[in-house]
Amino acid sequence: MTNNINIPFRLIDWSEISKTEHKGEKGTSFWQTIDYPGLRIRIVEYSAGYLADHWCKKGHIVHCLEGEFTSELQNGKKILLKKGMTYVVSDELSSHRSSTENGVKVLIIDGDFLK
């Protein structure tokens, strides 16, 4: 795979990036998103009691910044991620969904490099 995208040095001040609201099956998430061709970088905050409304097949790098959450795989396996922990998965390899009891803040990076 060839990456023909050049991204010049950019400082991201997340306090200047607006939040968009996304409802879950339960609770709400708030996304701050930076998009480049083939690359998306987000800070996502899930409310207490959040449960995703779908099984995600997309690949991600997910790093837990604050709190903790469970990533449930469609095969029934549940993985608890706490502050400072990261998971990586490629597209189409492990359908997953997130939930959190007390709320969580994560950094999520995804894009064409995970295909």
PDB file of N, CA and C in Angstrom:
ATOM      1  N   MET A   1       0.861  -1.182   0.000  1.00  0.00           N
ATOM      2  CA  MET A   1       0.000   0.000   0.000  1.00  0.00           C
ATOM      3  C   MET A   1       0.898   1.234   0.000  1.00  0.00           C
ATOM      4  N   THR A   2       0.589   2.174  -0.831  1.00  0.00           N
ATOM      5  CA  THR A   2       1.356   3.403  -0.920  1.00  0.00           C
ATOM      6  C   THR A   2       0.550   4.544  -0.337  1.00  0.00           C
ATOM      7  N   ASN A   3       1.200   5.335   0.496  1.00  0.00           N
ATOM      8  CA  ASN A   3       0.551   6.503   1.083  1.00  0.00           C
ATOM      9  C   ASN A   3       1.094   7.737   0.377  1.00  0.00           C
ATOM     10  N   ASN A   4       0.273   8.365  -0.443  1.00  0.00           N
ATOM     11  CA  ASN A   4       0.683   9.554  -1.176  1.00  0.00           C
ATOM     12  C   ASN A   4       0.228  10.833  -0.489  1.00  0.00           C
ATOM     13  N   ILE A   5      -0.148  10.726   0.767  1.00  0.00           N
ATOM     14  CA  ILE A   5      -0.653  11.885   1.492  1.00  0.00           C
ATOM     15  C   ILE A   5       0.466  12.467   2.346  1.00  0.00           C
ATOM     16  N   ASN A   6       0.694  13.746   2.189  1.00  0.00           N
ATOM     17  CA  ASN A   6       1.686  14.440   3.000  1.00  0.00           C
ATOM     18  C   ASN A   6       0.955  15.361   3.959  1.00  0.00           C
ATOM     19  N   ILE A   7       1.233  15.197   5.240  1.00  0.00           N
ATOM     20  CA  ILE A   7       0.607  16.042   6.252  1.00  0.00           C
ATOM     21  C   ILE A   7       1.701  16.920   6.841  1.00  0.00           C
ATOM     22  N   PRO A   8       1.603  18.228   6.637  1.00  0.00           N
ATOM     23  CA  PRO A   8       2.609  19.110   7.230  1.00  0.00           C
ATOM     24  C   PRO A   8       2.457  19.135   8.747  1.00  0.00           C
ATOM     25  N   PHE A   9       3.500  19.552   9.426  1.00  0.00           N
ATOM     26  CA  PHE A   9       3.465  19.647  10.884  1.00  0.00           C
ATOM     27  C   PHE A   9       2.237  20.441  11.313  1.00  0.00           C
ATOM     28  N   ARG A  10       1.502  19.883  12.262  1.00  0.00           N
ATOM     29  CA  ARG A  10       0.304  20.567  12.752  1.00  0.00           C
ATOM     30  C   ARG A  10       0.167  20.312  14.235  1.00  0.00           C
ATOM     31  N   LEU A  11       0.033  21.362  14.975  1.00  0.00           N
ATOM     32  CA  LEU A  11      -0.281  21.275  16.389  1.00  0.00           C
ATOM     33  C   LEU A  11      -1.798  21.242  16.499  1.00  0.00           C
ATOM     34  N   ILE A  12      -2.329  20.274  17.246  1.00  0.00           N
ATOM     35  CA  ILE A  12      -3.770  20.203  17.446  1.00  0.00           C
ATOM     36  C   ILE A  12      -4.076  20.658  18.866  1.00  0.00           C
ATOM     37  N   ASP A  13      -4.762  21.774  18.988  1.00  0.00           N
ATOM     38  CA  ASP A  13      -5.246  22.254  20.277  1.00  0.00           C
ATOM     39  C   ASP A  13      -6.688  21.787  20.383  1.00  0.00           C
ATOM     40  N   TRP A  14      -6.895  20.678  21.099  1.00  0.00           N
ATOM     41  CA  TRP A  14      -8.218  20.064  21.153  1.00  0.00           C
ATOM     42  C   TRP A  14      -9.263  20.994  21.752  1.00  0.00           C
ATOM     43  N   SER A  15      -8.854  21.980  22.532  1.00  0.00           N
ATOM     44  CA  SER A  15      -9.827  22.925  23.101  1.00  0.00           C
ATOM     45  C   SER A  15     -10.459  23.793  22.020  1.00  0.00           C
ATOM     46  N   GLU A  16      -9.850  23.839  20.839  1.00  0.00           N
ATOM     47  CA  GLU A  16     -10.377  24.628  19.726  1.00  0.00           C
ATOM     48  C   GLU A  16     -11.181  23.794  18.726  1.00  0.00           C
ATOM     49  N   ILE A  17     -11.260  22.485  18.928  1.00  0.00           N
ATOM     50  CA  ILE A  17     -11.979  21.595  18.013  1.00  0.00           C
ATOM     51  C   ILE A  17     -13.387  21.383  18.567  1.00  0.00           C
ATOM     52  N   SER A  18     -14.394  21.715  17.777  1.00  0.00           N
ATOM     53  CA  SER A  18     -15.781  21.595  18.244  1.00  0.00           C
ATOM     54  C   SER A  18     -16.165  20.130  18.434  1.00  0.00           C
ATOM     55  N   LYS A  19     -17.142  19.918  19.313  1.00  0.00           N
ATOM     56  CA  LYS A  19     -17.629  18.580  19.617  1.00  0.00           C
ATOM     57  C   LYS A  19     -18.928  18.318  18.862  1.00  0.00           C
ATOM     58  N   THR A  20     -19.056  17.088  18.367  1.00  0.00           N
ATOM     59  CA  THR A  20     -20.305  16.652  17.761  1.00  0.00           C
ATOM     60  C   THR A  20     -20.882  15.532  18.616  1.00  0.00           C
ATOM     61  N   GLU A  21     -22.194  15.511  18.731  1.00  0.00           N
ATOM     62  CA  GLU A  21     -22.887  14.557  19.588  1.00  0.00           C
ATOM     63  C   GLU A  21     -23.336  13.343  18.780  1.00  0.00           C
ATOM     64  N   HIS A  22     -23.134  12.150  19.357  1.00  0.00           N
ATOM     65  CA  HIS A  22     -23.521  10.897  18.712  1.00  0.00           C
ATOM     66  C   HIS A  22     -24.198  10.028  19.765  1.00  0.00           C
ATOM     67  N   LYS A  23     -25.457   9.703  19.524  1.00  0.00           N
ATOM     68  CA  LYS A  23     -26.221   8.882  20.463  1.00  0.00           C
ATOM     69  C   LYS A  23     -25.807   7.420  20.339  1.00  0.00           C
ATOM     70  N   GLY A  24     -25.729   6.744  21.481  1.00  0.00           N
ATOM     71  CA  GLY A  24     -25.503   5.305  21.502  1.00  0.00           C
ATOM     72  C   GLY A  24     -26.828   4.597  21.718  1.00  0.00           C
ATOM     73  N   GLU A  25     -26.776   3.282  21.834  1.00  0.00           N
ATOM     74  CA  GLU A  25     -27.968   2.541  22.239  1.00  0.00           C
ATOM     75  C   GLU A  25     -28.412   3.036  23.605  1.00  0.00           C
ATOM     76  N   LYS A  26     -27.408   3.309  24.447  1.00  0.00           N
ATOM     77  CA  LYS A  26     -27.614   3.971  25.732  1.00  0.00           C
ATOM     78  C   LYS A  26     -26.545   5.043  25.839  1.00  0.00           C
ATOM     79  N   GLY A  27     -26.903   6.192  26.351  1.00  0.00           N
ATOM     80  CA  GLY A  27     -25.923   7.254  26.553  1.00  0.00           C
ATOM     81  C   GLY A  27     -25.546   7.975  25.276  1.00  0.00           C
ATOM     82  N   THR A  28     -24.525   8.820  25.401  1.00  0.00           N
ATOM     83  CA  THR A  28     -24.110   9.698  24.314  1.00  0.00           C
ATOM     84  C   THR A  28     -22.593   9.755  24.256  1.00  0.00           C
ATOM     85  N   SER A  29     -22.078   9.941  23.047  1.00  0.00           N
ATOM     86  CA  SER A  29     -20.650  10.208  22.887  1.00  0.00           C
ATOM     87  C   SER A  29     -20.477  11.576  22.237  1.00  0.00           C
ATOM     88  N   PHE A  30     -19.355  12.199  22.529  1.00  0.00           N
ATOM     89  CA  PHE A  30     -19.012  13.497  21.959  1.00  0.00           C
ATOM     90  C   PHE A  30     -17.657  13.354  21.281  1.00  0.00           C
ATOM     91  N   TRP A  31     -17.623  13.681  19.983  1.00  0.00           N
ATOM     92  CA  TRP A  31     -16.423  13.516  19.178  1.00  0.00           C
ATOM     93  C   TRP A  31     -15.823  14.875  18.837  1.00  0.00           C
ATOM     94  N   GLN A  32     -14.509  14.958  18.936  1.00  0.00           N
ATOM     95  CA  GLN A  32     -13.728  16.056  18.374  1.00  0.00           C
ATOM     96  C   GLN A  32     -12.875  15.390  17.295  1.00  0.00           C
ATOM     97  N   THR A  33     -13.039  15.812  16.054  1.00  0.00           N
ATOM     98  CA  THR A  33     -12.481  15.064  14.927  1.00  0.00           C
ATOM     99  C   THR A  33     -11.604  15.934  14.040  1.00  0.00           C
ATOM    100  N   ILE A  34     -10.460  15.357  13.664  1.00  0.00           N
ATOM    101  CA  ILE A  34      -9.585  15.925  12.641  1.00  0.00           C
ATOM    102  C   ILE A  34      -9.560  14.910  11.500  1.00  0.00           C
ATOM    103  N   ASP A  35      -9.888  15.345  10.283  1.00  0.00           N
ATOM    104  CA  ASP A  35      -9.901  14.456   9.121  1.00  0.00           C
ATOM    105  C   ASP A  35      -8.843  14.878   8.114  1.00  0.00           C
ATOM    106  N   TYR A  36      -8.126  13.875   7.634  1.00  0.00           N
ATOM    107  CA  TYR A  36      -7.236  14.007   6.490  1.00  0.00           C
ATOM    108  C   TYR A  36      -7.660  12.916   5.507  1.00  0.00           C
ATOM    109  N   PRO A  37      -7.289  13.018   4.243  1.00  0.00           N
ATOM    110  CA  PRO A  37      -7.615  11.922   3.323  1.00  0.00           C
ATOM    111  C   PRO A  37      -6.997  10.611   3.832  1.00  0.00           C
ATOM    112  N   GLY A  38      -7.849   9.632   4.121  1.00  0.00           N
ATOM    113  CA  GLY A  38      -7.378   8.330   4.576  1.00  0.00           C
ATOM    114  C   GLY A  38      -6.951   8.248   6.024  1.00  0.00           C
ATOM    115  N   LEU A  39      -7.200   9.302   6.821  1.00  0.00           N
ATOM    116  CA  LEU A  39      -6.803   9.311   8.227  1.00  0.00           C
ATOM    117  C   LEU A  39      -7.793  10.141   9.035  1.00  0.00           C
ATOM    118  N   ARG A  40      -8.222   9.581  10.164  1.00  0.00           N
ATOM    119  CA  ARG A  40      -9.116  10.312  11.070  1.00  0.00           C
ATOM    120  C   ARG A  40      -8.534  10.202  12.483  1.00  0.00           C
ATOM    121  N   ILE A  41      -8.466  11.338  13.172  1.00  0.00           N
ATOM    122  CA  ILE A  41      -7.976  11.395  14.545  1.00  0.00           C
ATOM    123  C   ILE A  41      -9.085  12.008  15.388  1.00  0.00           C
ATOM    124  N   ARG A  42      -9.455  11.324  16.488  1.00  0.00           N
ATOM    125  CA  ARG A  42     -10.560  11.816  17.317  1.00  0.00           C
ATOM    126  C   ARG A  42     -10.237  11.712  18.799  1.00  0.00           C
ATOM    127  N   ILE A  43     -10.749  12.668  19.548  1.00  0.00           N
ATOM    128  CA  ILE A  43     -10.908  12.523  20.993  1.00  0.00           C
ATOM    129  C   ILE A  43     -12.395  12.258  21.174  1.00  0.00           C
ATOM    130  N   VAL A  44     -12.721  11.153  21.842  1.00  0.00           N
ATOM    131  CA  VAL A  44     -14.114  10.773  22.040  1.00  0.00           C
ATOM    132  C   VAL A  44     -14.372  10.614  23.525  1.00  0.00           C
ATOM    133  N   GLU A  45     -15.446  11.245  23.990  1.00  0.00           N
ATOM    134  CA  GLU A  45     -15.884  11.103  25.378  1.00  0.00           C
ATOM    135  C   GLU A  45     -17.219  10.373  25.377  1.00  0.00           C
ATOM    136  N   TYR A  46     -17.275   9.268  26.123  1.00  0.00           N
ATOM    137  CA  TYR A  46     -18.512   8.508  26.285  1.00  0.00           C
ATOM    138  C   TYR A  46     -19.107   8.836  27.642  1.00  0.00           C
ATOM    139  N   SER A  47     -20.405   9.096  27.678  1.00  0.00           N
ATOM    140  CA  SER A  47     -21.090   9.402  28.935  1.00  0.00           C
ATOM    141  C   SER A  47     -21.180   8.157  29.804  1.00  0.00           C
ATOM    142  N   ALA A  48     -21.432   8.357  31.080  1.00  0.00           N
ATOM    143  CA  ALA A  48     -21.683   7.240  31.992  1.00  0.00           C
ATOM    144  C   ALA A  48     -22.861   6.433  31.455  1.00  0.00           C
ATOM    145  N   GLY A  49     -22.760   5.123  31.515  1.00  0.00           N
ATOM    146  CA  GLY A  49     -23.830   4.258  31.039  1.00  0.00           C
ATOM    147  C   GLY A  49     -23.876   4.079  29.532  1.00  0.00           C
ATOM    148  N   TYR A  50     -22.842   4.516  28.823  1.00  0.00           N
ATOM    149  CA  TYR A  50     -22.830   4.442  27.359  1.00  0.00           C
ATOM    150  C   TYR A  50     -22.729   3.003  26.866  1.00  0.00           C
ATOM    151  N   LEU A  51     -23.478   2.690  25.807  1.00  0.00           N
ATOM    152  CA  LEU A  51     -23.372   1.443  25.065  1.00  0.00           C
ATOM    153  C   LEU A  51     -23.514   1.783  23.591  1.00  0.00           C
ATOM    154  N   ALA A  52     -22.546   1.388  22.778  1.00  0.00           N
ATOM    155  CA  ALA A  52     -22.591   1.662  21.340  1.00  0.00           C
ATOM    156  C   ALA A  52     -23.838   1.056  20.718  1.00  0.00           C
ATOM    157  N   ASP A  53     -24.331   1.712  19.675  1.00  0.00           N
ATOM    158  CA  ASP A  53     -25.566   1.263  19.014  1.00  0.00           C
ATOM    159  C   ASP A  53     -25.301   0.338  17.824  1.00  0.00           C
ATOM    160  N   HIS A  54     -24.043  -0.104  17.651  1.00  0.00           N
ATOM    161  CA  HIS A  54     -23.713  -0.975  16.517  1.00  0.00           C
ATOM    162  C   HIS A  54     -22.435  -1.762  16.817  1.00  0.00           C
ATOM    163  N   TRP A  55     -22.243  -2.825  16.060  1.00  0.00           N
ATOM    164  CA  TRP A  55     -20.987  -3.571  16.071  1.00  0.00           C
ATOM    165  C   TRP A  55     -20.098  -2.946  15.005  1.00  0.00           C
ATOM    166  N   CYS A  56     -18.938  -2.482  15.396  1.00  0.00           N
ATOM    167  CA  CYS A  56     -18.026  -1.796  14.476  1.00  0.00           C
ATOM    168  C   CYS A  56     -17.051  -2.801  13.872  1.00  0.00           C
ATOM    169  N   LYS A  57     -16.891  -2.747  12.553  1.00  0.00           N
ATOM    170  CA  LYS A  57     -15.952  -3.619  11.848  1.00  0.00           C
ATOM    171  C   LYS A  57     -14.687  -2.867  11.439  1.00  0.00           C
ATOM    172  N   LYS A  58     -14.663  -1.560  11.725  1.00  0.00           N
ATOM    173  CA  LYS A  58     -13.559  -0.710  11.300  1.00  0.00           C
ATOM    174  C   LYS A  58     -12.344  -0.916  12.209  1.00  0.00           C
ATOM    175  N   GLY A  59     -11.168  -0.787  11.633  1.00  0.00           N
ATOM    176  CA  GLY A  59      -9.941  -0.849  12.407  1.00  0.00           C
ATOM    177  C   GLY A  59      -9.679   0.454  13.135  1.00  0.00           C
ATOM    178  N   HIS A  60      -9.026   0.350  14.293  1.00  0.00           N
ATOM    179  CA  HIS A  60      -8.716   1.528  15.108  1.00  0.00           C
ATOM    180  C   HIS A  60      -7.434   1.301  15.897  1.00  0.00           C
ATOM    181  N   ILE A  61      -6.839   2.399  16.301  1.00  0.00           N
ATOM    182  CA  ILE A  61      -5.918   2.435  17.425  1.00  0.00           C
ATOM    183  C   ILE A  61      -6.670   3.244  18.469  1.00  0.00           C
ATOM    184  N   VAL A  62      -6.932   2.653  19.629  1.00  0.00           N
ATOM    185  CA  VAL A  62      -7.703   3.312  20.680  1.00  0.00           C
ATOM    186  C   VAL A  62      -6.850   3.381  21.938  1.00  0.00           C
ATOM    187  N   HIS A  63      -6.652   4.590  22.441  1.00  0.00           N
ATOM    188  CA  HIS A  63      -5.872   4.803  23.657  1.00  0.00           C
ATOM    189  C   HIS A  63      -6.757   5.454  24.711  1.00  0.00           C
ATOM    190  N   CYS A  64      -6.833   4.856  25.872  1.00  0.00           N
ATOM    191  CA  CYS A  64      -7.676   5.365  26.962  1.00  0.00           C
ATOM    192  C   CYS A  64      -6.951   6.491  27.707  1.00  0.00           C
ATOM    193  N   LEU A  65      -7.536   7.674  27.658  1.00  0.00           N
ATOM    194  CA  LEU A  65      -6.947   8.854  28.289  1.00  0.00           C
ATOM    195  C   LEU A  65      -7.415   9.045  29.731  1.00  0.00           C
ATOM    196  N   GLU A  66      -8.691   8.778  29.973  1.00  0.00           N
ATOM    197  CA  GLU A  66      -9.280   8.958  31.306  1.00  0.00           C
ATOM    198  C   GLU A  66     -10.366   7.916  31.498  1.00  0.00           C
ATOM    199  N   GLY A  67     -10.498   7.386  32.701  1.00  0.00           N
ATOM    200  CA  GLY A  67     -11.563   6.443  33.012  1.00  0.00           C
ATOM    201  C   GLY A  67     -11.247   5.048  32.512  1.00  0.00           C
ATOM    202  N   GLU A  68     -12.299   4.273  32.257  1.00  0.00           N
ATOM    203  CA  GLU A  68     -12.146   2.926  31.727  1.00  0.00           C
ATOM    204  C   GLU A  68     -13.398   2.541  30.957  1.00  0.00           C
ATOM    205  N   PHE A  69     -13.224   1.579  30.042  1.00  0.00           N
ATOM    206  CA  PHE A  69     -14.350   1.112  29.256  1.00  0.00           C
ATOM    207  C   PHE A  69     -14.133  -0.338  28.869  1.00  0.00           C
ATOM    208  N   THR A  70     -15.207  -0.965  28.445  1.00  0.00           N
ATOM    209  CA  THR A  70     -15.152  -2.340  27.975  1.00  0.00           C
ATOM    210  C   THR A  70     -15.322  -2.348  26.470  1.00  0.00           C
ATOM    211  N   SER A  71     -14.435  -3.080  25.804  1.00  0.00           N
ATOM    212  CA  SER A  71     -14.590  -3.339  24.381  1.00  0.00           C
ATOM    213  C   SER A  71     -15.050  -4.777  24.275  1.00  0.00           C
ATOM    214  N   GLU A  72     -16.288  -4.946  23.815  1.00  0.00           N
ATOM    215  CA  GLU A  72     -16.865  -6.280  23.672  1.00  0.00           C
ATOM    216  C   GLU A  72     -16.710  -6.729  22.233  1.00  0.00           C
ATOM    217  N   LEU A  73     -16.140  -7.912  22.048  1.00  0.00           N
ATOM    218  CA  LEU A  73     -16.020  -8.478  20.711  1.00  0.00           C
ATOM    219  C   LEU A  73     -17.281  -9.259  20.400  1.00  0.00           C
ATOM    220  N   GLN A  74     -17.627  -9.350  19.142  1.00  0.00           N
ATOM    221  CA  GLN A  74     -18.871 -10.009  18.750  1.00  0.00           C
ATOM    222  C   GLN A  74     -18.873 -11.496  19.116  1.00  0.00           C
ATOM    223  N   ASN A  75     -17.687 -12.073  19.333  1.00  0.00           N
ATOM    224  CA  ASN A  75     -17.606 -13.473  19.747  1.00  0.00           C
ATOM    225  C   ASN A  75     -17.876 -13.648  21.246  1.00  0.00           C
ATOM    226  N   GLY A  76     -18.177 -12.548  21.946  1.00  0.00           N
ATOM    227  CA  GLY A  76     -18.525 -12.607  23.360  1.00  0.00           C
ATOM    228  C   GLY A  76     -17.404 -12.227  24.316  1.00  0.00           C
ATOM    229  N   LYS A  77     -16.179 -12.168  23.840  1.00  0.00           N
ATOM    230  CA  LYS A  77     -15.047 -11.794  24.684  1.00  0.00           C
ATOM    231  C   LYS A  77     -15.148 -10.314  25.053  1.00  0.00           C
ATOM    232  N   LYS A  78     -14.850  -9.995  26.323  1.00  0.00           N
ATOM    233  CA  LYS A  78     -14.880  -8.611  26.798  1.00  0.00           C
ATOM    234  C   LYS A  78     -13.510  -8.232  27.326  1.00  0.00           C
ATOM    235  N   ILE A  79     -13.025  -7.060  26.899  1.00  0.00           N
ATOM    236  CA  ILE A  79     -11.716  -6.573  27.307  1.00  0.00           C
ATOM    237  C   ILE A  79     -11.903  -5.229  28.009  1.00  0.00           C
ATOM    238  N   LEU A  80     -11.387  -5.120  29.225  1.00  0.00           N
ATOM    239  CA  LEU A  80     -11.454  -3.876  29.990  1.00  0.00           C
ATOM    240  C   LEU A  80     -10.202  -3.059  29.720  1.00  0.00           C
ATOM    241  N   LEU A  81     -10.388  -1.834  29.251  1.00  0.00           N
ATOM    242  CA  LEU A  81      -9.270  -0.922  29.030  1.00  0.00           C
ATOM    243  C   LEU A  81      -9.339   0.196  30.054  1.00  0.00           C
ATOM    244  N   LYS A  82      -8.212   0.433  30.706  1.00  0.00           N
ATOM    245  CA  LYS A  82      -8.104   1.474  31.724  1.00  0.00           C
ATOM    246  C   LYS A  82      -7.165   2.560  31.221  1.00  0.00           C
ATOM    247  N   LYS A  83      -7.161   3.679  31.939  1.00  0.00           N
ATOM    248  CA  LYS A  83      -6.297   4.800  31.596  1.00  0.00           C
ATOM    249  C   LYS A  83      -4.874   4.313  31.318  1.00  0.00           C
ATOM    250  N   GLY A  84      -4.333   4.750  30.178  1.00  0.00           N
ATOM    251  CA  GLY A  84      -2.975   4.395  29.801  1.00  0.00           C
ATOM    252  C   GLY A  84      -2.869   3.147  28.949  1.00  0.00           C
ATOM    253  N   MET A  85      -3.980   2.441  28.721  1.00  0.00           N
ATOM    254  CA  MET A  85      -3.974   1.222  27.909  1.00  0.00           C
ATOM    255  C   MET A  85      -4.429   1.533  26.485  1.00  0.00           C
ATOM    256  N   THR A  86      -3.978   0.708  25.529  1.00  0.00           N
ATOM    257  CA  THR A  86      -4.271   0.901  24.108  1.00  0.00           C
ATOM    258  C   THR A  86      -4.635  -0.431  23.477  1.00  0.00           C
ATOM    259  N   TYR A  87      -5.556  -0.402  22.513  1.00  0.00           N
ATOM    260  CA  TYR A  87      -5.740  -1.580  21.665  1.00  0.00           C
ATOM    261  C   TYR A  87      -5.642  -1.182  20.210  1.00  0.00           C
ATOM    262  N   VAL A  88      -5.284  -2.168  19.386  1.00  0.00           N
ATOM    263  CA  VAL A  88      -5.152  -1.984  17.944  1.00  0.00           C
ATOM    264  C   VAL A  88      -5.891  -3.123  17.271  1.00  0.00           C
ATOM    265  N   VAL A  89      -6.662  -2.814  16.225  1.00  0.00           N
ATOM    266  CA  VAL A  89      -7.338  -3.846  15.428  1.00  0.00           C
ATOM    267  C   VAL A  89      -7.448  -3.340  13.986  1.00  0.00           C
ATOM    268  N   SER A  90      -7.279  -4.237  13.041  1.00  0.00           N
ATOM    269  CA  SER A  90      -7.426  -3.884  11.627  1.00  0.00           C
ATOM    270  C   SER A  90      -8.875  -4.036  11.187  1.00  0.00           C
ATOM    271  N   ASP A  91      -9.213  -3.388  10.069  1.00  0.00           N
ATOM    272  CA  ASP A  91     -10.557  -3.478   9.485  1.00  0.00           C
ATOM    273  C   ASP A  91     -10.962  -4.939   9.311  1.00  0.00           C
ATOM    274  N   GLU A  92     -12.230  -5.223   9.599  1.00  0.00           N
ATOM    275  CA  GLU A  92     -12.862  -6.516   9.310  1.00  0.00           C
ATOM    276  C   GLU A  92     -12.318  -7.709  10.097  1.00  0.00           C
ATOM    277  N   LEU A  93     -11.459  -7.483  11.128  1.00  0.00           N
ATOM    278  CA  LEU A  93     -10.888  -8.618  11.843  1.00  0.00           C
ATOM    279  C   LEU A  93     -11.627  -8.971  13.130  1.00  0.00           C
ATOM    280  N   SER A  94     -12.182  -8.003  13.814  1.00  0.00           N
ATOM    281  CA  SER A  94     -12.870  -8.282  15.078  1.00  0.00           C
ATOM    282  C   SER A  94     -13.965  -7.247  15.283  1.00  0.00           C
ATOM    283  N   SER A  95     -15.188  -7.602  14.989  1.00  0.00           N
ATOM    284  CA  SER A  95     -16.298  -6.681  15.246  1.00  0.00           C
ATOM    285  C   SER A  95     -16.357  -6.420  16.748  1.00  0.00           C
ATOM    286  N   HIS A  96     -16.553  -5.156  17.102  1.00  0.00           N
ATOM    287  CA  HIS A  96     -16.470  -4.755  18.501  1.00  0.00           C
ATOM    288  C   HIS A  96     -17.433  -3.612  18.781  1.00  0.00           C
ATOM    289  N   ARG A  97     -17.744  -3.426  20.071  1.00  0.00           N
ATOM    290  CA  ARG A  97     -18.517  -2.258  20.490  1.00  0.00           C
ATOM    291  C   ARG A  97     -18.071  -1.873  21.888  1.00  0.00           C
ATOM    292  N   SER A  98     -18.209  -0.596  22.184  1.00  0.00           N
ATOM    293  CA  SER A  98     -17.736  -0.054  23.457  1.00  0.00           C
ATOM    294  C   SER A  98     -18.887   0.203  24.410  1.00  0.00           C
ATOM    295  N   SER A  99     -18.557   0.090  25.697  1.00  0.00           N
ATOM    296  CA  SER A  99     -19.489   0.481  26.750  1.00  0.00           C
ATOM    297  C   SER A  99     -18.675   0.971  27.945  1.00  0.00           C
ATOM    298  N   THR A 100     -19.308   1.803  28.761  1.00  0.00           N
ATOM    299  CA  THR A 100     -18.641   2.281  29.965  1.00  0.00           C
ATOM    300  C   THR A 100     -19.679   2.545  31.051  1.00  0.00           C
ATOM    301  N   GLU A 101     -19.332   2.188  32.259  1.00  0.00           N
ATOM    302  CA  GLU A 101     -20.236   2.433  33.385  1.00  0.00           C
ATOM    303  C   GLU A 101     -20.164   3.880  33.847  1.00  0.00           C
ATOM    304  N   ASN A 102     -18.943   4.414  33.966  1.00  0.00           N
ATOM    305  CA  ASN A 102     -18.747   5.720  34.595  1.00  0.00           C
ATOM    306  C   ASN A 102     -18.288   6.812  33.657  1.00  0.00           C
ATOM    307  N   GLY A 103     -18.187   6.510  32.361  1.00  0.00           N
ATOM    308  CA  GLY A 103     -17.701   7.493  31.400  1.00  0.00           C
ATOM    309  C   GLY A 103     -16.222   7.291  31.126  1.00  0.00           C
ATOM    310  N   VAL A 104     -15.780   7.717  29.953  1.00  0.00           N
ATOM    311  CA  VAL A 104     -14.393   7.527  29.543  1.00  0.00           C
ATOM    312  C   VAL A 104     -14.044   8.546  28.467  1.00  0.00           C
ATOM    313  N   LYS A 105     -12.757   8.842  28.351  1.00  0.00           N
ATOM    314  CA  LYS A 105     -12.238   9.712  27.298  1.00  0.00           C
ATOM    315  C   LYS A 105     -11.121   8.950  26.597  1.00  0.00           C
ATOM    316  N   VAL A 106     -11.230   8.824  25.265  1.00  0.00           N
ATOM    317  CA  VAL A 106     -10.261   8.044  24.493  1.00  0.00           C
ATOM    318  C   VAL A 106      -9.752   8.838  23.290  1.00  0.00           C
ATOM    319  N   LEU A 107      -8.571   8.488  22.844  1.00  0.00           N
ATOM    320  CA  LEU A 107      -8.008   8.969  21.586  1.00  0.00           C
ATOM    321  C   LEU A 107      -8.154   7.827  20.592  1.00  0.00           C
ATOM    322  N   ILE A 108      -8.774   8.094  19.442  1.00  0.00           N
ATOM    323  CA  ILE A 108      -8.986   7.066  18.427  1.00  0.00           C
ATOM    324  C   ILE A 108      -8.368   7.529  17.111  1.00  0.00           C
ATOM    325  N   ILE A 109      -7.536   6.669  16.545  1.00  0.00           N
ATOM    326  CA  ILE A 109      -6.917   6.936  15.249  1.00  0.00           C
ATOM    327  C   ILE A 109      -7.317   5.801  14.319  1.00  0.00           C
ATOM    328  N   ASP A 110      -7.845   6.142  13.160  1.00  0.00           N
ATOM    329  CA  ASP A 110      -8.191   5.110  12.186  1.00  0.00           C
ATOM    330  C   ASP A 110      -7.954   5.650  10.779  1.00  0.00           C
ATOM    331  N   GLY A 111      -7.871   4.735   9.852  1.00  0.00           N
ATOM    332  CA  GLY A 111      -7.660   5.157   8.477  1.00  0.00           C
ATOM    333  C   GLY A 111      -7.260   4.020   7.584  1.00  0.00           C
ATOM    334  N   ASP A 112      -6.874   4.372   6.375  1.00  0.00           N
ATOM    335  CA  ASP A 112      -6.559   3.407   5.336  1.00  0.00           C
ATOM    336  C   ASP A 112      -5.418   2.473   5.706  1.00  0.00           C
ATOM    337  N   PHE A 113      -4.516   2.878   6.583  1.00  0.00           N
ATOM    338  CA  PHE A 113      -3.378   2.047   6.951  1.00  0.00           C
ATOM    339  C   PHE A 113      -3.783   0.806   7.736  1.00  0.00           C
ATOM    340  N   LEU A 114      -5.039   0.727   8.197  1.00  0.00           N
ATOM    341  CA  LEU A 114      -5.519  -0.428   8.958  1.00  0.00           C
ATOM    342  C   LEU A 114      -6.316  -1.409   8.097  1.00  0.00           C
ATOM    343  N   LYS A 115      -6.312  -1.235   6.783  1.00  0.00           N
ATOM    344  CA  LYS A 115      -7.037  -2.149   5.883  1.00  0.00           C
ATOM    345  C   LYS A 115      -6.236  -3.412   5.675  1.00  0.00           C
TER     346      LYS A 115
END
